[in-house]
Amino acid sequence: MELIVALGIGVLAGSGVWLLLRPRTFQVIIGLSLVSYAVNLFIFGMGRLRTGMPPVLEPGTAGDPAHYADPVPQALILTAIVIGFATTALFLVVLLAARGLTGTDHVDGREREQS
C-alpha cells in the first residue's frame, strides 16, 4: 500500500514539475495543480495510512491513540483542496485576461515558430 502511494506521489510530483517547465501558461497551471495534489497526498500519508479505524476516540472511554486515525492531516488536506481550487480558478481568470490583452498564452509573450 505504501509503495503504491509513494509511486503515485512521485509520478504526480514529476509530472507537475515537467509541466511547470513548459512555455505555455495553461500547462504551468496544470503543473501547479499536480504538484499541489502530490503535496496533499504526502501530507495525508504522513498521518499514517490506516483502513477501518475510527477517526476519533469514543466519548467516556480511555483509548490507545495508536488504534485510531489522526484527523489533523485529513482536516489540513481538506483545507488545502479548497484553497488549491480557489487559486486555480484565479490563475485561469488571469490567464484568460492576459490572453485577451496579448493574444497569446506563451510565458514570454511571443508566438513560437511552427516547424
Protein backbone atom coordinates (compact mmCIF):
# COMPACT_ATOMS: atom_id res chain seq x y z
CA MET A 1 0.00 0.00 0.00
CA GLU A 2 2.75 2.41 0.97
CA LEU A 3 4.69 1.65 -2.20
CA ILE A 4 1.68 2.46 -4.37
CA VAL A 5 1.09 5.76 -2.57
CA ALA A 6 4.80 6.65 -2.81
CA LEU A 7 4.84 5.89 -6.53
CA GLY A 8 1.67 7.93 -7.02
CA ILE A 9 3.22 10.88 -5.19
CA GLY A 10 6.40 10.58 -7.26
CA VAL A 11 4.51 10.40 -10.57
CA LEU A 12 2.32 13.39 -9.68
CA ALA A 13 5.29 15.47 -8.49
CA GLY A 14 7.45 14.55 -11.51
CA SER A 15 4.66 15.26 -13.98
CA GLY A 16 3.87 18.53 -12.24
CA VAL A 17 7.48 19.72 -12.34
CA TRP A 18 7.76 18.72 -16.02
CA LEU A 19 4.63 20.73 -16.83
CA LEU A 20 5.90 23.70 -14.78
CA LEU A 21 8.91 23.89 -17.09
CA ARG A 22 6.74 24.14 -20.24
CA PRO A 23 6.42 27.52 -22.02
CA ARG A 24 2.62 27.63 -22.23
CA THR A 25 0.68 29.15 -19.37
CA PHE A 26 -2.09 26.55 -19.24
CA GLN A 27 0.47 23.76 -18.84
CA VAL A 28 2.06 25.68 -15.97
CA ILE A 29 -1.32 25.93 -14.23
CA ILE A 30 -1.93 22.19 -14.63
CA GLY A 31 1.61 21.53 -13.34
CA LEU A 32 0.93 23.61 -10.23
CA SER A 33 -2.24 21.61 -9.64
CA LEU A 34 -0.40 18.30 -9.97
CA VAL A 35 2.32 19.40 -7.56
CA SER A 36 -0.31 20.51 -5.04
CA TYR A 37 -2.04 17.11 -5.35
CA ALA A 38 1.31 15.39 -4.72
CA VAL A 39 1.90 17.51 -1.61
CA ASN A 40 -1.63 16.76 -0.40
CA LEU A 41 -1.05 13.02 -0.78
CA PHE A 42 2.29 13.33 1.00
CA ILE A 43 0.75 15.13 3.98
CA PHE A 44 -2.12 12.63 4.04
CA GLY A 45 0.36 9.75 4.01
CA MET A 46 2.30 11.24 6.92
CA GLY A 47 -0.85 10.88 9.04
CA ARG A 48 -0.41 7.06 8.89
CA LEU A 49 -2.39 5.20 6.28
CA ARG A 50 -4.95 3.14 8.19
CA THR A 51 -8.11 1.50 6.94
CA GLY A 52 -11.11 0.56 9.04
CA MET A 53 -10.09 2.69 12.01
CA PRO A 54 -12.41 5.22 13.66
CA PRO A 55 -11.26 8.84 13.26
CA VAL A 56 -11.85 9.95 16.86
CA LEU A 57 -11.89 8.47 20.36
CA GLU A 58 -15.19 7.26 21.77
CA PRO A 59 -16.58 9.58 24.46
CA GLY A 60 -16.16 8.30 28.01
CA THR A 61 -13.59 5.64 27.12
CA ALA A 62 -9.84 5.65 27.59
CA GLY A 63 -8.43 4.54 24.28
CA ASP A 64 -4.98 3.99 22.91
CA PRO A 65 -4.30 6.68 20.24
CA ALA A 66 -2.33 4.12 18.21
CA HIS A 67 -5.62 2.38 17.34
CA TYR A 68 -7.25 5.48 15.84
CA ALA A 69 -6.77 7.52 12.69
CA ASP A 70 -5.30 11.01 13.05
CA PRO A 71 -7.93 13.59 11.95
CA VAL A 72 -5.49 16.54 11.72
CA PRO A 73 -3.91 15.59 8.35
CA GLN A 74 -7.38 14.97 6.95
CA ALA A 75 -8.50 18.45 8.01
CA LEU A 76 -5.33 20.02 6.57
CA ILE A 77 -5.83 18.26 3.24
CA LEU A 78 -9.47 19.30 3.04
CA THR A 79 -8.47 22.92 3.61
CA ALA A 80 -5.64 22.64 1.06
CA ILE A 81 -8.02 21.25 -1.57
CA VAL A 82 -10.37 24.22 -1.16
CA ILE A 83 -7.54 26.74 -1.28
CA GLY A 84 -5.97 24.98 -4.29
CA PHE A 85 -9.26 25.06 -6.18
CA ALA A 86 -9.66 28.78 -5.50
CA THR A 87 -6.12 29.63 -6.60
CA THR A 88 -6.50 27.52 -9.75
CA ALA A 89 -9.68 29.43 -10.61
CA LEU A 90 -7.84 32.71 -10.01
CA PHE A 91 -4.93 31.58 -12.24
CA LEU A 92 -7.36 30.67 -15.01
CA VAL A 93 -9.04 34.08 -14.84
CA VAL A 94 -5.64 35.80 -15.00
CA LEU A 95 -4.69 33.52 -17.93
CA LEU A 96 -7.82 34.49 -19.86
CA ALA A 97 -7.27 38.18 -19.15
CA ALA A 98 -3.62 38.01 -20.22
CA ARG A 99 -4.53 36.11 -23.37
CA GLY A 100 -7.14 38.73 -24.19
CA LEU A 101 -4.59 41.52 -23.78
CA THR A 102 -1.60 39.91 -25.51
CA GLY A 103 -3.27 37.50 -27.91
CA THR A 104 -1.06 34.58 -26.83
CA ASP A 105 -0.66 32.29 -23.87
CA HIS A 106 3.10 31.84 -24.01
CA VAL A 107 5.09 32.84 -20.96
CA ASP A 108 7.45 35.08 -22.92
CA GLY A 109 4.59 36.68 -24.91
CA ARG A 110 5.82 35.61 -28.35
CA GLU A 111 4.31 33.06 -30.68
CA ARG A 112 6.54 30.08 -31.37
CA GLU A 113 7.51 29.23 -34.93
CA GLN A 114 5.86 26.13 -36.33
CA SER A 115 8.45 23.89 -37.96
